[in-house]
Amino acid sequence: MGVDAKWPADKVERRPVSGLTPYAKNARTHSDEQISQIAASIEQWGWTIPVLVDEDGGIIAGHGRILAAEKLGIAEVPVMVAAGWSEEQKRAYVLADNKLAENAGWDSALLASELQELAGGFDVSLIGFTENELLELAAQQHDGLTDPDETPEPPVNPVTRKGDVWLLGKHRLVCGDCTDADTVAKCLNGVSPHLMVTDPPYGVEYDAGWRTRVMPYKNENAGSIMDHLSVPQTSRSASVS
């Protein structure tokens, strides 16, 4: 076709959505959430990219935009016609239109900066990033502490104090001493845990032999780990037998 040939984008016209036919073998999927995002962008910016169709009205590029148009009740949309394309060209471009865009990357620093500036007066959720992605990008704007041993001075009026319980959905987070029975009880709130995985910096004498006593046909090589406090002070290491 070449750069000097007539391009589909040379002429844009409006056609009824009902007269356009989706490509039956379109491998690109569109979730309900993404269709809603496209619909929101159309409401914000209008229709910015014409749908690419063949001479019979078969959709080559723009399936998601058509689904969004149907969601919004838009009867006519801008289209451009790929005149003279072979079947192979049309089928290949259905894939290329999506894949070529995916091959691009982001300058994370510039992206985070742009989003931060826009967030002051624009609804950045319309741009398409998830909430977690926005949080991760926002975190890149802060260097944090460069020295892992450098800790800030505690605030005069801390938000969280000893004994406070934070409710995080189904989870409970207690500010306190994990060796204190009352603190642990406050955390559990009457629930008996099925499993507790801990790695405290305290003396623990662990005997893996209980597995053999419960299931004698398994764990024949299980050993025990002594309380490190009972080991001579010169070594301070765990003993495995």
Foldseek 3Di string as FASTA:
>chain_A
DDPPDDDLVVDKDKDFLVQAAEDPPQPDDDDPVNLVLLLVVCVVPNDDDAFEAEPSRYTQDDPSVSSNCVVVVPGMTMYTYPYPDDPVRSNVSSVVVPVVVVPDDDPLLVVLVVCVVCVVPHDCVSVPDDPVVNVVSVVVVDPPDPDPPDDDDDDPDDPDDAQDWDDDPPAIDGRHDPVDPVRVCVRCVPPDDPDDDDDDPFFDKFAPCVVCVVVVVDDPPGWIWGGLVPDPPVPSDIDTD
